[in-house]
Amino acid sequence: MAAEATSTSAGSGSSAGRRRTLRGRVVSDKMDKTVVVEVERTYQHRTIHKYVKTTKKYKAHDEANACKVGDLVVIEESRPLSRTKRWVVVGGAS
């Protein structure tokens, strides 16, 4: 479950620009219209040159309350929807 992020380009001309998308697994769906998505990424450590896995949790908006725990989803960056919610679920990952 690798994170797939696209960089934002400031000079693209569109109002929203290129929004970053990440792929992760739903770890909590207890809130109304909100899911917690855990995104795992791997990178090579600077000094020891081993590959290290890190995980980060994002709160994402799920309008239909369709996502359940364990689902693989794609989330997209959006405007701030609440104090901690800046992502929207756009679909299931295949």
C-alpha atoms as a PDB file:
ATOM      1  CA  MET A   1       0.000   0.000   0.000  1.00  0.00           C
ATOM      2  CA  ALA A   2       2.317   2.699  -1.255  1.00  0.00           C
ATOM      3  CA  ALA A   3       1.372   6.342  -1.195  1.00  0.00           C
ATOM      4  CA  GLU A   4       0.877   7.921  -4.570  1.00  0.00           C
ATOM      5  CA  ALA A   5       1.160  11.693  -4.482  1.00  0.00           C
ATOM      6  CA  THR A   6       1.224  14.112  -7.344  1.00  0.00           C
ATOM      7  CA  SER A   7       2.942  17.418  -6.847  1.00  0.00           C
ATOM      8  CA  THR A   8       1.007  20.630  -7.009  1.00  0.00           C
ATOM      9  CA  SER A   9       1.836  22.914  -9.874  1.00  0.00           C
ATOM     10  CA  ALA A  10       1.277  26.595  -9.185  1.00  0.00           C
ATOM     11  CA  GLY A  11       1.358  27.760 -12.796  1.00  0.00           C
ATOM     12  CA  SER A  12      -1.137  25.299 -14.272  1.00  0.00           C
ATOM     13  CA  GLY A  13      -3.829  27.950 -14.735  1.00  0.00           C
ATOM     14  CA  SER A  14      -6.735  26.095 -13.129  1.00  0.00           C
ATOM     15  CA  SER A  15      -8.225  27.447  -9.929  1.00  0.00           C
ATOM     16  CA  ALA A  16      -7.758  24.249  -7.936  1.00  0.00           C
ATOM     17  CA  GLY A  17      -4.405  23.303  -9.433  1.00  0.00           C
ATOM     18  CA  ARG A  18      -3.387  19.683  -9.268  1.00  0.00           C
ATOM     19  CA  ARG A  19      -4.733  18.144  -6.109  1.00  0.00           C
ATOM     20  CA  ARG A  20      -2.680  15.477  -4.402  1.00  0.00           C
ATOM     21  CA  THR A  21      -4.159  11.997  -4.205  1.00  0.00           C
ATOM     22  CA  LEU A  22      -3.175   9.294  -1.739  1.00  0.00           C
ATOM     23  CA  ARG A  23      -4.125   5.647  -1.434  1.00  0.00           C
ATOM     24  CA  GLY A  24      -4.702   4.042   1.937  1.00  0.00           C
ATOM     25  CA  ARG A  25      -6.752   1.783   4.167  1.00  0.00           C
ATOM     26  CA  VAL A  26      -9.728   2.839   6.300  1.00  0.00           C
ATOM     27  CA  VAL A  27      -8.939   2.238   9.980  1.00  0.00           C
ATOM     28  CA  SER A  28     -11.953   3.949  11.567  1.00  0.00           C
ATOM     29  CA  ASP A  29     -15.471   4.809  10.409  1.00  0.00           C
ATOM     30  CA  LYS A  30     -17.070   5.663  13.759  1.00  0.00           C
ATOM     31  CA  MET A  31     -17.604   9.359  12.962  1.00  0.00           C
ATOM     32  CA  ASP A  32     -20.497  10.652  10.879  1.00  0.00           C
ATOM     33  CA  LYS A  33     -19.433  11.334   7.257  1.00  0.00           C
ATOM     34  CA  THR A  34     -15.759  11.016   8.240  1.00  0.00           C
ATOM     35  CA  VAL A  35     -13.282   8.152   7.953  1.00  0.00           C
ATOM     36  CA  VAL A  36      -9.711   7.837   9.162  1.00  0.00           C
ATOM     37  CA  VAL A  37      -7.412   6.618   6.382  1.00  0.00           C
ATOM     38  CA  GLU A  38      -3.953   5.229   7.139  1.00  0.00           C
ATOM     39  CA  VAL A  39      -1.434   5.849   4.356  1.00  0.00           C
ATOM     40  CA  GLU A  40       1.810   3.880   4.344  1.00  0.00           C
ATOM     41  CA  ARG A  41       4.901   5.043   2.487  1.00  0.00           C
ATOM     42  CA  THR A  42       8.403   3.663   2.146  1.00  0.00           C
ATOM     43  CA  TYR A  43      11.586   5.645   1.750  1.00  0.00           C
ATOM     44  CA  GLN A  44      15.292   5.009   1.948  1.00  0.00           C
ATOM     45  CA  HIS A  45      16.914   6.195   5.176  1.00  0.00           C
ATOM     46  CA  ARG A  46      19.539   8.874   4.658  1.00  0.00           C
ATOM     47  CA  THR A  47      22.370   7.408   6.712  1.00  0.00           C
ATOM     48  CA  ILE A  48      21.741   3.690   7.102  1.00  0.00           C
ATOM     49  CA  HIS A  49      20.361   3.231   3.542  1.00  0.00           C
ATOM     50  CA  LYS A  50      17.640   0.822   4.605  1.00  0.00           C
ATOM     51  CA  TYR A  51      14.085   1.123   3.388  1.00  0.00           C
ATOM     52  CA  VAL A  52      11.794   2.305   6.156  1.00  0.00           C
ATOM     53  CA  LYS A  53       7.989   2.173   6.311  1.00  0.00           C
ATOM     54  CA  THR A  54       6.095   5.034   7.899  1.00  0.00           C
ATOM     55  CA  THR A  55       2.361   5.453   8.328  1.00  0.00           C
ATOM     56  CA  LYS A  56       0.298   8.585   8.654  1.00  0.00           C
ATOM     57  CA  LYS A  57      -3.403   8.938   9.388  1.00  0.00           C
ATOM     58  CA  TYR A  58      -5.645  11.391   7.551  1.00  0.00           C
ATOM     59  CA  LYS A  59      -9.267  12.274   8.281  1.00  0.00           C
ATOM     60  CA  ALA A  60     -11.282  12.244   5.071  1.00  0.00           C
ATOM     61  CA  HIS A  61     -14.840  13.263   4.202  1.00  0.00           C
ATOM     62  CA  ASP A  62     -17.134  10.393   3.196  1.00  0.00           C
ATOM     63  CA  GLU A  63     -20.459  11.961   2.219  1.00  0.00           C
ATOM     64  CA  ALA A  64     -22.393   8.699   1.796  1.00  0.00           C
ATOM     65  CA  ASN A  65     -20.884   6.871   4.809  1.00  0.00           C
ATOM     66  CA  ALA A  66     -20.050   4.095   2.332  1.00  0.00           C
ATOM     67  CA  CYS A  67     -16.521   3.215   3.505  1.00  0.00           C
ATOM     68  CA  LYS A  68     -16.039   0.490   6.072  1.00  0.00           C
ATOM     69  CA  VAL A  69     -12.997  -0.516   8.121  1.00  0.00           C
ATOM     70  CA  GLY A  70     -10.442  -2.334   5.983  1.00  0.00           C
ATOM     71  CA  ASP A  71     -11.487  -0.803   2.647  1.00  0.00           C
ATOM     72  CA  LEU A  72      -8.788   0.462   0.304  1.00  0.00           C
ATOM     73  CA  VAL A  73      -9.661   4.002  -0.781  1.00  0.00           C
ATOM     74  CA  VAL A  74      -8.252   6.909  -2.755  1.00  0.00           C
ATOM     75  CA  ILE A  75      -8.389  10.295  -1.038  1.00  0.00           C
ATOM     76  CA  GLU A  76      -7.925  13.714  -2.642  1.00  0.00           C
ATOM     77  CA  GLU A  77      -6.779  16.972  -1.101  1.00  0.00           C
ATOM     78  CA  SER A  78      -9.494  19.613  -0.691  1.00  0.00           C
ATOM     79  CA  ARG A  79     -10.293  22.829   1.097  1.00  0.00           C
ATOM     80  CA  PRO A  80     -10.487  22.651   4.909  1.00  0.00           C
ATOM     81  CA  LEU A  81     -13.782  21.024   5.861  1.00  0.00           C
ATOM     82  CA  SER A  82     -13.190  21.139   9.622  1.00  0.00           C
ATOM     83  CA  ARG A  83     -10.320  21.699  12.041  1.00  0.00           C
ATOM     84  CA  THR A  84      -8.596  18.426  11.101  1.00  0.00           C
ATOM     85  CA  LYS A  85     -10.327  17.326   7.872  1.00  0.00           C
ATOM     86  CA  ARG A  86      -8.672  18.356   4.576  1.00  0.00           C
ATOM     87  CA  TRP A  87      -9.213  15.272   2.395  1.00  0.00           C
ATOM     88  CA  VAL A  88     -12.180  13.774   0.502  1.00  0.00           C
ATOM     89  CA  VAL A  89     -12.740  10.125  -0.401  1.00  0.00           C
ATOM     90  CA  VAL A  90     -12.951   9.928  -4.204  1.00  0.00           C
ATOM     91  CA  GLY A  91     -13.259   6.181  -4.677  1.00  0.00           C
ATOM     92  CA  GLY A  92     -12.089   2.707  -3.878  1.00  0.00           C
ATOM     93  CA  ALA A  93      -8.562   1.627  -4.768  1.00  0.00           C
ATOM     94  CA  SER A  94      -8.178  -1.434  -6.928  1.00  0.00           C
END
